[in-house]
C-alpha atoms as a PDB file:
ATOM      1  CA  MET A   1      -0.118   0.028  -0.037  1.00  0.00           C
ATOM      2  CA  LEU A   2       2.914   2.413   0.960  1.00  0.00           C
ATOM      3  CA  ALA A   3       4.693   1.766  -2.302  1.00  0.00           C
ATOM      4  CA  LEU A   4       1.543   1.836  -4.391  1.00  0.00           C
ATOM      5  CA  ALA A   5      -0.256   4.847  -3.315  1.00  0.00           C
ATOM      6  CA  GLY A   6       1.751   6.264  -0.413  1.00  0.00           C
ATOM      7  CA  LYS A   7       5.014   7.313  -1.689  1.00  0.00           C
ATOM      8  CA  PRO A   8       3.549   8.396  -5.148  1.00  0.00           C
ATOM      9  CA  MET A   9       0.942  10.638  -3.512  1.00  0.00           C
ATOM     10  CA  TYR A  10       3.572  11.997  -1.036  1.00  0.00           C
ATOM     11  CA  PHE A  11       5.905  12.939  -3.894  1.00  0.00           C
ATOM     12  CA  LEU A  12       3.201  14.368  -5.890  1.00  0.00           C
ATOM     13  CA  GLU A  13       1.911  16.726  -3.157  1.00  0.00           C
ATOM     14  CA  LEU A  14       5.556  18.022  -2.270  1.00  0.00           C
ATOM     15  CA  ALA A  15       6.150  18.565  -5.954  1.00  0.00           C
ATOM     16  CA  PHE A  16       2.920  20.425  -6.526  1.00  0.00           C
ATOM     17  CA  GLY A  17       3.636  22.853  -3.458  1.00  0.00           C
ATOM     18  CA  GLN A  18       7.248  23.274  -4.164  1.00  0.00           C
ATOM     19  CA  PHE A  19       6.549  24.015  -8.057  1.00  0.00           C
ATOM     20  CA  ALA A  20       3.663  26.490  -7.442  1.00  0.00           C
ATOM     21  CA  GLY A  21       5.105  27.897  -4.170  1.00  0.00           C
ATOM     22  CA  GLN A  22       1.578  28.424  -2.715  1.00  0.00           C
ATOM     23  CA  GLY A  23      -0.657  26.856  -0.071  1.00  0.00           C
ATOM     24  CA  PRO A  24      -3.453  24.533  -0.553  1.00  0.00           C
ATOM     25  CA  LEU A  25      -6.038  27.284  -1.083  1.00  0.00           C
ATOM     26  CA  THR A  26      -4.279  29.269  -3.569  1.00  0.00           C
ATOM     27  CA  ILE A  27      -2.569  26.621  -5.492  1.00  0.00           C
ATOM     28  CA  TRP A  28      -5.683  25.409  -7.224  1.00  0.00           C
ATOM     29  CA  ALA A  29      -5.859  28.625  -9.311  1.00  0.00           C
ATOM     30  CA  CYS A  30      -4.272  26.512 -12.040  1.00  0.00           C
ATOM     31  CA  ALA A  31      -7.631  24.514 -12.110  1.00  0.00           C
ATOM     32  CA  PRO A  32     -10.398  26.503 -10.909  1.00  0.00           C
ATOM     33  CA  ILE A  33     -12.806  23.660 -10.861  1.00  0.00           C
ATOM     34  CA  CYS A  34     -10.667  22.033  -8.211  1.00  0.00           C
ATOM     35  CA  LYS A  35     -10.727  25.110  -5.812  1.00  0.00           C
ATOM     36  CA  GLY A  36     -12.909  22.956  -3.578  1.00  0.00           C
ATOM     37  CA  VAL A  37     -10.314  20.469  -3.081  1.00  0.00           C
ATOM     38  CA  GLY A  38      -8.175  22.941  -1.159  1.00  0.00           C
ATOM     39  CA  PHE A  39     -10.961  23.889   1.045  1.00  0.00           C
ATOM     40  CA  ALA A  40     -11.572  20.273   1.756  1.00  0.00           C
ATOM     41  CA  MET A  41      -8.033  19.682   2.649  1.00  0.00           C
ATOM     42  CA  VAL A  42      -8.296  22.744   5.123  1.00  0.00           C
ATOM     43  CA  CYS A  43     -11.250  21.500   6.639  1.00  0.00           C
ATOM     44  CA  VAL A  44      -9.997  17.918   7.110  1.00  0.00           C
ATOM     45  CA  SER A  45      -6.836  19.489   8.819  1.00  0.00           C
ATOM     46  CA  MET A  46      -9.264  21.402  11.051  1.00  0.00           C
ATOM     47  CA  VAL A  47     -11.203  18.452  11.949  1.00  0.00           C
ATOM     48  CA  VAL A  48      -8.002  16.309  12.631  1.00  0.00           C
ATOM     49  CA  ALA A  49      -6.585  18.993  14.811  1.00  0.00           C
ATOM     50  CA  VAL A  50      -9.745  19.100  17.034  1.00  0.00           C
ATOM     51  CA  TYR A  51      -9.783  15.381  17.906  1.00  0.00           C
ATOM     52  CA  TYR A  52      -5.878  15.127  17.981  1.00  0.00           C
ATOM     53  CA  ASN A  53      -5.723  18.070  20.615  1.00  0.00           C
ATOM     54  CA  VAL A  54      -8.243  16.120  22.656  1.00  0.00           C
ATOM     55  CA  ILE A  55      -5.780  13.220  22.582  1.00  0.00           C
ATOM     56  CA  MET A  56      -3.033  15.688  23.457  1.00  0.00           C
ATOM     57  CA  SER A  57      -4.939  16.856  26.543  1.00  0.00           C
ATOM     58  CA  TYR A  58      -5.177  13.153  27.701  1.00  0.00           C
ATOM     59  CA  THR A  59      -1.544  12.926  27.377  1.00  0.00           C
ATOM     60  CA  LEU A  60      -1.087  15.996  29.298  1.00  0.00           C
ATOM     61  CA  TYR A  61      -3.409  15.143  32.032  1.00  0.00           C
ATOM     62  CA  TYR A  62      -1.557  11.780  32.263  1.00  0.00           C
ATOM     63  CA  THR A  63       1.725  13.578  32.265  1.00  0.00           C
ATOM     64  CA  ALA A  64       0.677  15.971  35.249  1.00  0.00           C
ATOM     65  CA  SER A  65      -0.491  12.907  37.002  1.00  0.00           C
ATOM     66  CA  THR A  66       2.878  10.915  37.005  1.00  0.00           C
ATOM     67  CA  PHE A  67       4.396  13.721  39.288  1.00  0.00           C
ATOM     68  CA  GLN A  68       3.548  11.817  42.380  1.00  0.00           C
ATOM     69  CA  ALA A  69       5.186   9.391  44.881  1.00  0.00           C
ATOM     70  CA  GLN A  70       2.487   6.665  43.204  1.00  0.00           C
ATOM     71  CA  VAL A  71       0.813   7.131  40.048  1.00  0.00           C
ATOM     72  CA  PRO A  72      -3.086   7.229  40.808  1.00  0.00           C
ATOM     73  CA  TRP A  73      -3.945   4.299  38.603  1.00  0.00           C
ATOM     74  CA  GLN A  74      -1.745   1.772  40.564  1.00  0.00           C
ATOM     75  CA  ARG A  75      -4.251   1.378  43.086  1.00  0.00           C
ATOM     76  CA  CYS A  76      -8.285   0.936  43.373  1.00  0.00           C
ATOM     77  CA  ASP A  77      -9.244   4.106  45.218  1.00  0.00           C
ATOM     78  CA  PRO A  78     -12.720   3.862  46.835  1.00  0.00           C
ATOM     79  CA  ALA A  79     -13.416   7.586  45.584  1.00  0.00           C
ATOM     80  CA  TRP A  80     -13.735   6.107  41.739  1.00  0.00           C
ATOM     81  CA  ALA A  81     -13.271   2.380  42.051  1.00  0.00           C
ATOM     82  CA  ASN A  82     -16.558   1.768  44.159  1.00  0.00           C
ATOM     83  CA  GLY A  83     -18.998  -0.504  42.611  1.00  0.00           C
ATOM     84  CA  THR A  84     -16.448  -2.016  40.174  1.00  0.00           C
ATOM     85  CA  ASN A  85     -14.605  -5.443  40.363  1.00  0.00           C
ATOM     86  CA  CYS A  86     -11.043  -3.515  40.338  1.00  0.00           C
ATOM     87  CA  PHE A  87      -7.932  -5.174  40.681  1.00  0.00           C
ATOM     88  CA  VAL A  88      -4.119  -4.091  40.706  1.00  0.00           C
ATOM     89  CA  ARG A  89      -1.872  -5.937  38.216  1.00  0.00           C
ATOM     90  CA  SER A  90       0.848  -5.925  40.419  1.00  0.00           C
ATOM     91  CA  GLN A  91      -1.033  -7.993  42.954  1.00  0.00           C
ATOM     92  CA  ASN A  92      -1.371 -11.720  42.716  1.00  0.00           C
ATOM     93  CA  PHE A  93      -4.415 -13.116  41.260  1.00  0.00           C
ATOM     94  CA  THR A  94      -5.668 -16.062  38.962  1.00  0.00           C
ATOM     95  CA  SER A  95      -6.402 -15.617  35.452  1.00  0.00           C
ATOM     96  CA  GLY A  96      -9.927 -16.944  36.465  1.00  0.00           C
ATOM     97  CA  ASN A  97     -10.520 -13.592  37.707  1.00  0.00           C
ATOM     98  CA  LEU A  98     -10.678 -12.241  34.115  1.00  0.00           C
ATOM     99  CA  THR A  99     -13.996 -14.349  33.661  1.00  0.00           C
ATOM    100  CA  GLU A 100     -15.641 -12.783  36.602  1.00  0.00           C
ATOM    101  CA  GLY A 101     -15.691  -9.241  35.333  1.00  0.00           C
ATOM    102  CA  ALA A 102     -12.477  -8.282  36.851  1.00  0.00           C
ATOM    103  CA  THR A 103     -11.301  -4.682  35.502  1.00  0.00           C
ATOM    104  CA  PRO A 104      -7.689  -3.493  35.838  1.00  0.00           C
ATOM    105  CA  SER A 105      -7.213  -0.538  38.018  1.00  0.00           C
ATOM    106  CA  SER A 106      -5.705   1.515  35.182  1.00  0.00           C
ATOM    107  CA  GLN A 107      -9.140   0.960  32.946  1.00  0.00           C
ATOM    108  CA  VAL A 108     -11.304   1.872  36.075  1.00  0.00           C
ATOM    109  CA  TYR A 109      -9.192   5.035  36.580  1.00  0.00           C
ATOM    110  CA  TRP A 110      -9.480   5.984  32.818  1.00  0.00           C
ATOM    111  CA  GLU A 111     -13.197   5.428  32.469  1.00  0.00           C
ATOM    112  CA  ARG A 112     -14.504   6.330  36.045  1.00  0.00           C
ATOM    113  CA  TYR A 113     -12.107   9.108  36.988  1.00  0.00           C
ATOM    114  CA  VAL A 114     -10.483  10.767  33.994  1.00  0.00           C
ATOM    115  CA  LEU A 115     -13.222  10.651  31.460  1.00  0.00           C
ATOM    116  CA  ASP A 116     -16.221  10.185  34.093  1.00  0.00           C
ATOM    117  CA  ILE A 117     -18.062   8.356  31.399  1.00  0.00           C
ATOM    118  CA  SER A 118     -21.757   8.934  31.437  1.00  0.00           C
ATOM    119  CA  THR A 119     -24.466   6.130  31.057  1.00  0.00           C
ATOM    120  CA  GLY A 120     -25.257   7.268  27.276  1.00  0.00           C
ATOM    121  CA  ILE A 121     -25.649   9.980  24.990  1.00  0.00           C
ATOM    122  CA  GLU A 122     -28.885  10.935  26.819  1.00  0.00           C
ATOM    123  CA  ASP A 123     -26.864  11.708  29.655  1.00  0.00           C
ATOM    124  CA  LEU A 124     -24.268  14.336  28.774  1.00  0.00           C
ATOM    125  CA  GLY A 125     -22.941  14.660  32.423  1.00  0.00           C
ATOM    126  CA  GLY A 126     -20.930  17.921  33.276  1.00  0.00           C
ATOM    127  CA  VAL A 127     -17.683  19.338  32.388  1.00  0.00           C
ATOM    128  CA  LYS A 128     -14.568  17.860  33.374  1.00  0.00           C
ATOM    129  CA  TRP A 129     -12.818  21.086  34.147  1.00  0.00           C
ATOM    130  CA  ASP A 130      -9.195  19.355  34.704  1.00  0.00           C
ATOM    131  CA  LEU A 131      -9.638  17.883  31.262  1.00  0.00           C
ATOM    132  CA  ALA A 132     -10.835  21.272  29.887  1.00  0.00           C
ATOM    133  CA  LEU A 133      -7.688  23.166  31.355  1.00  0.00           C
ATOM    134  CA  CYS A 134      -5.552  20.439  29.552  1.00  0.00           C
ATOM    135  CA  LEU A 135      -7.312  20.987  26.386  1.00  0.00           C
ATOM    136  CA  LEU A 136      -6.905  24.861  26.533  1.00  0.00           C
ATOM    137  CA  LEU A 137      -3.329  24.157  27.202  1.00  0.00           C
ATOM    138  CA  SER A 138      -2.845  21.981  24.263  1.00  0.00           C
ATOM    139  CA  TRP A 139      -4.380  24.492  22.066  1.00  0.00           C
ATOM    140  CA  ILE A 140      -2.128  27.220  23.402  1.00  0.00           C
ATOM    141  CA  ILE A 141       0.922  24.988  22.729  1.00  0.00           C
ATOM    142  CA  VAL A 142      -0.355  24.819  18.966  1.00  0.00           C
ATOM    143  CA  VAL A 143      -0.893  28.543  18.751  1.00  0.00           C
ATOM    144  CA  VAL A 144       2.423  29.528  20.184  1.00  0.00           C
ATOM    145  CA  CYS A 145       4.232  26.961  17.913  1.00  0.00           C
ATOM    146  CA  LEU A 146       2.386  28.444  14.891  1.00  0.00           C
ATOM    147  CA  MET A 147       1.841  32.183  15.925  1.00  0.00           C
ATOM    148  CA  ASN A 148       4.688  33.292  13.517  1.00  0.00           C
ATOM    149  CA  GLY A 149       3.971  30.975  10.906  1.00  0.00           C
ATOM    150  CA  ILE A 150       6.828  29.070   9.395  1.00  0.00           C
ATOM    151  CA  LYS A 151       9.611  31.138  11.418  1.00  0.00           C
ATOM    152  CA  THR A 152       8.319  29.394  14.645  1.00  0.00           C
ATOM    153  CA  SER A 153       7.018  26.116  13.466  1.00  0.00           C
ATOM    154  CA  GLY A 154      10.369  25.676  11.717  1.00  0.00           C
ATOM    155  CA  LYS A 155      12.358  25.888  14.995  1.00  0.00           C
ATOM    156  CA  VAL A 156       9.946  23.695  16.879  1.00  0.00           C
ATOM    157  CA  VAL A 157      10.192  21.044  14.330  1.00  0.00           C
ATOM    158  CA  TYR A 158      13.865  20.398  15.497  1.00  0.00           C
ATOM    159  CA  PHE A 159      12.541  19.275  18.920  1.00  0.00           C
ATOM    160  CA  ALA A 160       9.157  17.980  17.710  1.00  0.00           C
ATOM    161  CA  ALA A 161      10.832  15.681  15.107  1.00  0.00           C
ATOM    162  CA  THR A 162      13.701  14.137  17.330  1.00  0.00           C
ATOM    163  CA  PHE A 163      12.375  14.130  20.914  1.00  0.00           C
ATOM    164  CA  PRO A 164       9.547  11.414  20.074  1.00  0.00           C
ATOM    165  CA  TYR A 165      12.153   9.133  18.897  1.00  0.00           C
ATOM    166  CA  VAL A 166      14.236   9.553  22.088  1.00  0.00           C
ATOM    167  CA  ILE A 167      10.815   8.437  24.013  1.00  0.00           C
ATOM    168  CA  LEU A 168      10.062   5.614  21.678  1.00  0.00           C
ATOM    169  CA  ILE A 169      13.380   3.941  21.583  1.00  0.00           C
ATOM    170  CA  THR A 170      13.159   4.355  25.604  1.00  0.00           C
ATOM    171  CA  LEU A 171      10.023   2.775  25.751  1.00  0.00           C
ATOM    172  CA  MET A 172      10.700  -0.035  23.150  1.00  0.00           C
ATOM    173  CA  VAL A 173      14.081  -0.824  25.391  1.00  0.00           C
ATOM    174  CA  THR A 174      12.199  -0.846  28.491  1.00  0.00           C
ATOM    175  CA  GLY A 175       9.245  -2.881  27.048  1.00  0.00           C
ATOM    176  CA  LEU A 176      11.548  -5.532  25.582  1.00  0.00           C
ATOM    177  CA  CYS A 177      13.116  -6.136  28.969  1.00  0.00           C
ATOM    178  CA  GLN A 178       9.793  -7.086  30.393  1.00  0.00           C
ATOM    179  CA  PRO A 179       8.860 -10.836  31.003  1.00  0.00           C
ATOM    180  CA  GLY A 180       6.870 -12.131  27.972  1.00  0.00           C
ATOM    181  CA  ALA A 181       7.669  -9.154  25.855  1.00  0.00           C
ATOM    182  CA  ILE A 182       9.221 -11.189  23.208  1.00  0.00           C
ATOM    183  CA  ASP A 183       5.866 -13.048  22.798  1.00  0.00           C
ATOM    184  CA  GLY A 184       4.133  -9.770  21.982  1.00  0.00           C
ATOM    185  CA  VAL A 185       6.735  -8.879  19.392  1.00  0.00           C
ATOM    186  CA  LEU A 186       6.317 -12.218  17.545  1.00  0.00           C
ATOM    187  CA  TYR A 187       2.542 -11.704  17.631  1.00  0.00           C
ATOM    188  CA  PHE A 188       3.219  -8.327  16.023  1.00  0.00           C
ATOM    189  CA  VAL A 189       5.837  -9.378  13.399  1.00  0.00           C
ATOM    190  CA  THR A 190       4.129 -12.967  12.541  1.00  0.00           C
ATOM    191  CA  PRO A 191       2.136 -12.612   9.022  1.00  0.00           C
ATOM    192  CA  THR A 192      -1.459 -13.861   8.811  1.00  0.00           C
ATOM    193  CA  PHE A 193      -1.515 -14.278   5.034  1.00  0.00           C
ATOM    194  CA  GLU A 194      -5.183 -15.095   4.950  1.00  0.00           C
ATOM    195  CA  ARG A 195      -6.265 -11.733   6.157  1.00  0.00           C
ATOM    196  CA  LEU A 196      -4.791 -10.292   2.887  1.00  0.00           C
ATOM    197  CA  LEU A 197      -8.348 -11.584   1.230  1.00  0.00           C
ATOM    198  CA  ASP A 198     -10.195  -9.269   3.799  1.00  0.00           C
ATOM    199  CA  ILE A 199     -10.992  -6.025   2.175  1.00  0.00           C
ATOM    200  CA  LYS A 200     -11.323  -4.508   5.735  1.00  0.00           C
ATOM    201  CA  VAL A 201      -7.754  -5.080   6.167  1.00  0.00           C
ATOM    202  CA  TRP A 202      -6.844  -3.208   2.983  1.00  0.00           C
ATOM    203  CA  GLN A 203      -9.198  -0.390   3.995  1.00  0.00           C
ATOM    204  CA  ALA A 204      -7.557  -0.270   7.228  1.00  0.00           C
ATOM    205  CA  ALA A 205      -4.036  -0.015   5.796  1.00  0.00           C
ATOM    206  CA  ALA A 206      -5.145   2.706   3.443  1.00  0.00           C
ATOM    207  CA  GLY A 207      -6.747   4.908   6.244  1.00  0.00           C
ATOM    208  CA  GLN A 208      -3.458   4.354   8.275  1.00  0.00           C
ATOM    209  CA  MET A 209      -1.401   5.344   5.446  1.00  0.00           C
ATOM    210  CA  PHE A 210      -3.255   8.550   4.741  1.00  0.00           C
ATOM    211  CA  PHE A 211      -3.077   9.541   8.576  1.00  0.00           C
ATOM    212  CA  SER A 212       0.472   8.539   8.940  1.00  0.00           C
ATOM    213  CA  LEU A 213       1.840  10.504   5.911  1.00  0.00           C
ATOM    214  CA  SER A 214      -0.613  13.433   6.365  1.00  0.00           C
ATOM    215  CA  LEU A 215      -1.806  12.841   2.756  1.00  0.00           C
ATOM    216  CA  SER A 216      -4.362  15.108   1.363  1.00  0.00           C
ATOM    217  CA  MET A 217      -4.572  17.372   4.305  1.00  0.00           C
ATOM    218  CA  GLY A 218      -2.921  20.267   2.799  1.00  0.00           C
ATOM    219  CA  GLY A 219       0.150  20.565   5.161  1.00  0.00           C
ATOM    220  CA  LEU A 220       2.402  18.799   2.647  1.00  0.00           C
ATOM    221  CA  ILE A 221       1.555  21.369  -0.063  1.00  0.00           C
ATOM    222  CA  MET A 222       2.048  24.275   2.421  1.00  0.00           C
ATOM    223  CA  TYR A 223       5.295  23.285   3.865  1.00  0.00           C
ATOM    224  CA  SER A 224       7.013  22.125   0.379  1.00  0.00           C
ATOM    225  CA  SER A 225       5.796  25.794  -0.778  1.00  0.00           C
ATOM    226  CA  TYR A 226       8.696  27.231   1.062  1.00  0.00           C
ATOM    227  CA  ASN A 227      11.261  24.808  -0.430  1.00  0.00           C
ATOM    228  CA  LYS A 228      13.778  26.256  -3.056  1.00  0.00           C
ATOM    229  CA  PHE A 229      12.489  25.580  -6.427  1.00  0.00           C
ATOM    230  CA  SER A 230      15.382  23.253  -7.185  1.00  0.00           C
ATOM    231  CA  ASN A 231      15.064  21.297  -4.080  1.00  0.00           C
ATOM    232  CA  ASN A 232      15.217  17.589  -4.656  1.00  0.00           C
ATOM    233  CA  VAL A 233      11.799  16.647  -3.471  1.00  0.00           C
ATOM    234  CA  PHE A 234      12.029  13.022  -4.513  1.00  0.00           C
ATOM    235  CA  ARG A 235      14.684  12.455  -2.117  1.00  0.00           C
ATOM    236  CA  ASP A 236      12.763  14.259   0.456  1.00  0.00           C
ATOM    237  CA  ALA A 237       9.568  11.891  -0.188  1.00  0.00           C
ATOM    238  CA  MET A 238      11.561   8.815   0.159  1.00  0.00           C
ATOM    239  CA  ILE A 239      13.424   9.616   3.063  1.00  0.00           C
ATOM    240  CA  VAL A 240      10.170  10.681   4.997  1.00  0.00           C
ATOM    241  CA  SER A 241       8.223   7.621   3.862  1.00  0.00           C
ATOM    242  CA  VAL A 242      10.887   5.344   4.952  1.00  0.00           C
ATOM    243  CA  LEU A 243      11.487   7.060   8.396  1.00  0.00           C
ATOM    244  CA  ASP A 244       7.655   6.809   8.591  1.00  0.00           C
ATOM    245  CA  THR A 245       7.628   3.113   8.162  1.00  0.00           C
ATOM    246  CA  VAL A 246      10.237   2.725  10.613  1.00  0.00           C
ATOM    247  CA  THR A 247       8.594   4.792  13.084  1.00  0.00           C
ATOM    248  CA  SER A 248       5.418   2.741  12.687  1.00  0.00           C
ATOM    249  CA  ILE A 249       7.240  -0.520  13.391  1.00  0.00           C
ATOM    250  CA  ILE A 250       9.050   0.881  16.517  1.00  0.00           C
ATOM    251  CA  SER A 251       5.654   2.058  17.620  1.00  0.00           C
ATOM    252  CA  GLY A 252       4.258  -1.515  17.081  1.00  0.00           C
ATOM    253  CA  MET A 253       7.187  -2.845  19.074  1.00  0.00           C
ATOM    254  CA  VAL A 254       6.563  -0.681  21.932  1.00  0.00           C
ATOM    255  CA  ILE A 255       2.860  -1.584  22.012  1.00  0.00           C
ATOM    256  CA  PHE A 256       3.087  -5.144  21.412  1.00  0.00           C
ATOM    257  CA  SER A 257       6.128  -5.704  23.792  1.00  0.00           C
ATOM    258  CA  VAL A 258       3.824  -4.378  26.679  1.00  0.00           C
ATOM    259  CA  LEU A 259       1.050  -6.454  25.503  1.00  0.00           C
ATOM    260  CA  GLY A 260       2.981  -9.393  25.705  1.00  0.00           C
ATOM    261  CA  ALA A 261       4.104  -8.411  29.163  1.00  0.00           C
ATOM    262  CA  MET A 262       0.581  -8.045  30.409  1.00  0.00           C
ATOM    263  CA  ALA A 263      -0.354 -11.416  28.973  1.00  0.00           C
ATOM    264  CA  HIS A 264       2.545 -12.871  31.033  1.00  0.00           C
ATOM    265  CA  ASP A 265       1.310 -11.127  34.169  1.00  0.00           C
ATOM    266  CA  LEU A 266      -2.139 -12.255  33.421  1.00  0.00           C
ATOM    267  CA  GLY A 267      -1.144 -15.776  33.532  1.00  0.00           C
ATOM    268  CA  ASP A 268      -2.827 -18.220  31.214  1.00  0.00           C
ATOM    269  CA  VAL A 269      -4.058 -15.228  28.544  1.00  0.00           C
ATOM    270  CA  LYS A 270      -2.888 -15.144  24.962  1.00  0.00           C
ATOM    271  CA  VAL A 271      -1.588 -11.902  23.627  1.00  0.00           C
ATOM    272  CA  GLU A 272      -4.327 -11.546  21.052  1.00  0.00           C
ATOM    273  CA  ASP A 273      -7.039 -11.773  24.008  1.00  0.00           C
ATOM    274  CA  VAL A 274      -5.219  -8.960  25.813  1.00  0.00           C
ATOM    275  CA  ALA A 275      -5.085  -6.871  22.653  1.00  0.00           C
ATOM    276  CA  GLN A 276      -8.591  -7.228  21.786  1.00  0.00           C
ATOM    277  CA  GLY A 277      -9.806  -6.681  25.395  1.00  0.00           C
ATOM    278  CA  GLY A 278      -9.179  -2.952  25.568  1.00  0.00           C
ATOM    279  CA  THR A 279      -7.508  -3.264  28.876  1.00  0.00           C
END
């Protein structure tokens, strides 16, 4: 999917923006009938920015919660765990508990305390002011990074493009050192060829490719419009797409090494059961 569609489309958007030297809204002056495409790209970016900032607010919330002697999700606090069959993973228990509706403390903390999930769409509940403040902070960070256009974002990218790799590699090494982590990694890298006949797999792969490479969102056209006209855009497209694949592999190893360790801690539980359980 990446070779057939991802790399060509990535190269096309970079080349288009670099050649015209314009953003996604004005670049379609060459084909007025396609002006709506540019507006659609901007609208997609706006929608993605809205829900990604919500995810960022969760990250900020958990980051602030870690500055404690004991992180709150490592215990079953009666303030938010009452009425649930909450258990702490670090404590001894049998795998039979899983069939009795037991819920890890981390999941109970997430659903009952952080999100304070309501009973349904008809019960909207109140505003979670702590999460609202984290969301406000995430938008402030975005505004500060973009307030002076490319001058600001161009400087921020040196940190934003490198620091995540430090975190990913640290998490990967830590995860691989856990008992049972190899089982999770093997589950991640072992192919299931019969799934290639499932159209939903290809649909999911295409969606992941578009999001991962930020295709058809206008950002690539905008950033490449600042390139020199003679810049080797083909080289950029190949390097970025390869790095994107490497990043996805590292991220997968981080996640599945943890899932393998969780399956090991749970006892007689397979990695795929942990991965599908949402815990």
